[in-house]
Amino acid sequence: TLRNGSDFVAIECAKKSKYKTSTLLMELDQLLQQFSKEQLRLILIEASRRHPDVVGIVHEELRRSGVHTTPYPEIPLRDVDPPNRVLRVSNLPDIATASLLTLLFNQFQGFRDLQADANQKQVYYVEYSSEVEAQTAMNGLQHFKITPEAPMLINFAKNPTY
């Protein structure tokens, strides 16, 4: 009996490799344990960007293996902002200042600049030296709560020159 969708994936991979299914399942479990739910979500999003057919294939394989999944509406990839070195930070409480945000984002390597959006209250843009450094900061601070009721939302900026 399959425990979950990862068992099914591991068995399918084992059929195509030299590993025994049990060995592959143990290795897959060990690999997945090191990632948080948010990190796994980001991995899946990136896999979907690189291989747009992955989402449908995975959903279908899980369905066939008996794993109930919630169908999500397809999100057109053109609506997803591509990675770049500038982050857009929103959903900030009124007490969030440029100084506080600089302290938060400066802890990540490559921090270059922080600027307030001139047209939107409590929206800031944070610039890093590279896409990788921006992604690292995004992963580290996504949903960080400056106050209990306001989880920070971080996206790649649509216009990286802000």
Protein backbone atom coordinates (compact mmCIF):
# COMPACT_ATOMS: atom_id res chain seq x y z
CA THR A 1 0.00 0.00 0.00
CA LEU A 2 1.29 3.41 -0.90
CA ARG A 3 1.62 5.85 1.99
CA ASN A 4 1.50 8.94 -0.15
CA GLY A 5 2.31 10.41 -3.54
CA SER A 6 6.06 10.41 -2.88
CA ASP A 7 5.92 6.59 -2.54
CA PHE A 8 4.35 6.36 -5.97
CA VAL A 9 6.98 8.67 -7.46
CA ALA A 10 9.76 6.69 -5.79
CA ILE A 11 8.40 3.38 -7.12
CA GLU A 12 8.15 4.79 -10.65
CA CYS A 13 11.72 6.11 -10.39
CA ALA A 14 12.95 2.78 -9.04
CA LYS A 15 11.49 0.96 -12.04
CA LYS A 16 13.72 3.10 -14.23
CA SER A 17 16.87 2.87 -12.12
CA LYS A 18 19.22 0.41 -10.48
CA TYR A 19 17.91 1.18 -6.97
CA LYS A 20 15.51 -1.03 -5.10
CA THR A 21 12.20 0.66 -4.34
CA SER A 22 12.79 0.53 -0.56
CA THR A 23 16.22 2.16 -0.91
CA LEU A 24 14.83 4.90 -3.12
CA LEU A 25 11.93 5.52 -0.71
CA MET A 26 14.36 5.94 2.20
CA GLU A 27 16.57 8.29 0.20
CA LEU A 28 13.57 10.30 -0.97
CA ASP A 29 12.25 10.58 2.61
CA GLN A 30 15.67 11.78 3.81
CA LEU A 31 15.90 14.30 0.99
CA LEU A 32 12.42 15.71 1.58
CA GLN A 33 12.85 16.00 5.37
CA GLN A 34 15.48 18.70 5.01
CA PHE A 35 13.04 21.08 3.30
CA SER A 36 10.26 23.11 4.88
CA LYS A 37 6.81 23.19 3.30
CA GLU A 38 7.59 26.66 1.93
CA GLN A 39 10.87 25.48 0.38
CA LEU A 40 9.11 22.52 -1.26
CA ARG A 41 6.48 24.90 -2.62
CA LEU A 42 9.21 27.05 -4.15
CA ILE A 43 10.91 23.99 -5.67
CA LEU A 44 7.63 22.91 -7.25
CA ILE A 45 6.97 26.40 -8.59
CA GLU A 46 10.43 26.53 -10.17
CA ALA A 47 9.99 23.04 -11.65
CA SER A 48 6.65 24.17 -13.09
CA ARG A 49 8.27 27.25 -14.63
CA ARG A 50 10.99 25.19 -16.27
CA HIS A 51 8.69 22.34 -17.30
CA PRO A 52 5.09 23.64 -17.59
CA ASP A 53 3.69 20.14 -18.14
CA VAL A 54 4.96 18.95 -14.72
CA VAL A 55 1.93 20.17 -12.75
CA GLY A 56 -0.55 18.20 -14.83
CA ILE A 57 1.65 15.08 -14.89
CA VAL A 58 2.13 15.08 -11.11
CA HIS A 59 -1.55 15.71 -10.47
CA GLU A 60 -2.52 12.83 -12.80
CA GLU A 61 0.04 10.43 -11.27
CA LEU A 62 -1.20 11.22 -7.75
CA ARG A 63 -4.81 10.74 -8.84
CA ARG A 64 -3.97 7.33 -10.37
CA SER A 65 -2.17 6.27 -7.20
CA GLY A 66 -5.26 7.07 -5.12
CA VAL A 67 -3.95 10.22 -3.46
CA HIS A 68 -6.66 12.84 -3.18
CA THR A 69 -5.45 16.22 -4.36
CA THR A 70 -7.27 19.51 -4.40
CA PRO A 71 -7.52 20.78 -7.95
CA TYR A 72 -6.08 24.23 -8.32
CA PRO A 73 -6.94 26.52 -11.19
CA GLU A 74 -4.14 26.75 -13.70
CA ILE A 75 -2.08 29.87 -13.26
CA PRO A 76 -0.77 31.17 -16.56
CA LEU A 77 3.02 31.33 -16.29
CA ARG A 78 3.03 34.72 -18.00
CA ASP A 79 1.34 36.14 -14.86
CA VAL A 80 4.21 34.99 -12.63
CA ASP A 81 6.95 37.59 -12.32
CA PRO A 82 10.29 36.14 -13.40
CA PRO A 83 13.11 36.04 -10.86
CA ASN A 84 15.31 39.11 -10.75
CA ARG A 85 17.45 40.94 -8.22
CA VAL A 86 14.73 43.33 -6.98
CA LEU A 87 12.06 42.27 -4.50
CA ARG A 88 8.70 43.96 -3.91
CA VAL A 89 7.72 43.85 -0.23
CA SER A 90 4.09 44.49 0.72
CA ASN A 91 1.43 43.81 3.37
CA LEU A 92 3.48 45.76 5.86
CA PRO A 93 2.03 47.26 9.05
CA ASP A 94 2.21 51.01 9.62
CA ILE A 95 5.05 50.58 12.12
CA ALA A 96 7.33 49.11 9.42
CA THR A 97 9.92 51.74 8.62
CA ALA A 98 12.72 51.85 6.08
CA SER A 99 15.22 51.47 8.95
CA LEU A 100 13.50 48.35 10.27
CA LEU A 101 13.25 46.79 6.81
CA THR A 102 16.88 47.61 6.09
CA LEU A 103 17.84 45.76 9.29
CA LEU A 104 15.81 42.73 8.21
CA PHE A 105 16.98 42.56 4.60
CA ASN A 106 20.59 43.59 5.27
CA GLN A 107 21.17 40.31 7.10
CA PHE A 108 21.16 38.57 3.71
CA GLN A 109 24.25 38.67 1.52
CA GLY A 110 24.16 40.98 -1.48
CA PHE A 111 21.84 43.64 -0.01
CA ARG A 112 22.30 46.87 -1.97
CA ASP A 113 19.35 49.22 -1.45
CA LEU A 114 15.84 49.68 -0.08
CA GLN A 115 13.38 52.23 -1.48
CA ALA A 116 9.77 53.06 -0.68
CA ASP A 117 7.23 52.90 -3.50
CA ALA A 118 6.26 56.50 -4.21
CA ASN A 119 2.72 55.48 -5.26
CA GLN A 120 1.79 52.89 -2.64
CA LYS A 121 1.83 53.21 1.12
CA GLN A 122 3.89 50.59 2.97
CA VAL A 123 5.33 48.98 -0.18
CA TYR A 124 9.10 48.80 -0.55
CA TYR A 125 11.58 47.57 -3.13
CA VAL A 126 14.74 45.79 -2.02
CA GLU A 127 17.66 45.41 -4.38
CA TYR A 128 20.27 42.64 -4.18
CA SER A 129 23.43 42.04 -6.20
CA SER A 130 22.02 38.93 -7.89
CA GLU A 131 18.85 36.91 -8.46
CA VAL A 132 20.17 34.13 -6.22
CA GLU A 133 20.74 36.53 -3.34
CA ALA A 134 17.29 38.06 -3.82
CA GLN A 135 15.72 34.57 -3.86
CA THR A 136 17.57 33.66 -0.65
CA ALA A 137 16.26 36.78 1.10
CA MET A 138 12.75 36.11 -0.20
CA ASN A 139 12.85 32.54 1.09
CA GLY A 140 14.16 33.68 4.46
CA LEU A 141 11.67 36.48 5.08
CA GLN A 142 8.52 35.41 3.23
CA HIS A 143 5.55 35.70 5.64
CA PHE A 144 7.77 37.17 8.38
CA LYS A 145 5.50 38.97 10.84
CA ILE A 146 6.58 42.39 12.05
CA THR A 147 3.29 42.40 13.97
CA PRO A 148 1.19 39.28 14.68
CA GLU A 149 -1.48 40.17 12.14
CA ALA A 150 0.65 41.22 9.16
CA PRO A 151 2.73 38.54 7.39
CA MET A 152 5.11 40.19 4.93
CA LEU A 153 4.49 39.35 1.26
CA ILE A 154 7.56 39.29 -0.96
CA ASN A 155 7.53 38.93 -4.74
CA PHE A 156 9.98 39.64 -7.50
CA ALA A 157 9.45 43.17 -8.75
CA LYS A 158 7.69 43.52 -12.12
CA ASN A 159 10.03 46.32 -13.10
CA PRO A 160 13.43 45.45 -11.59
CA THR A 161 14.75 48.99 -12.03
CA TYR A 162 11.98 50.37 -9.76
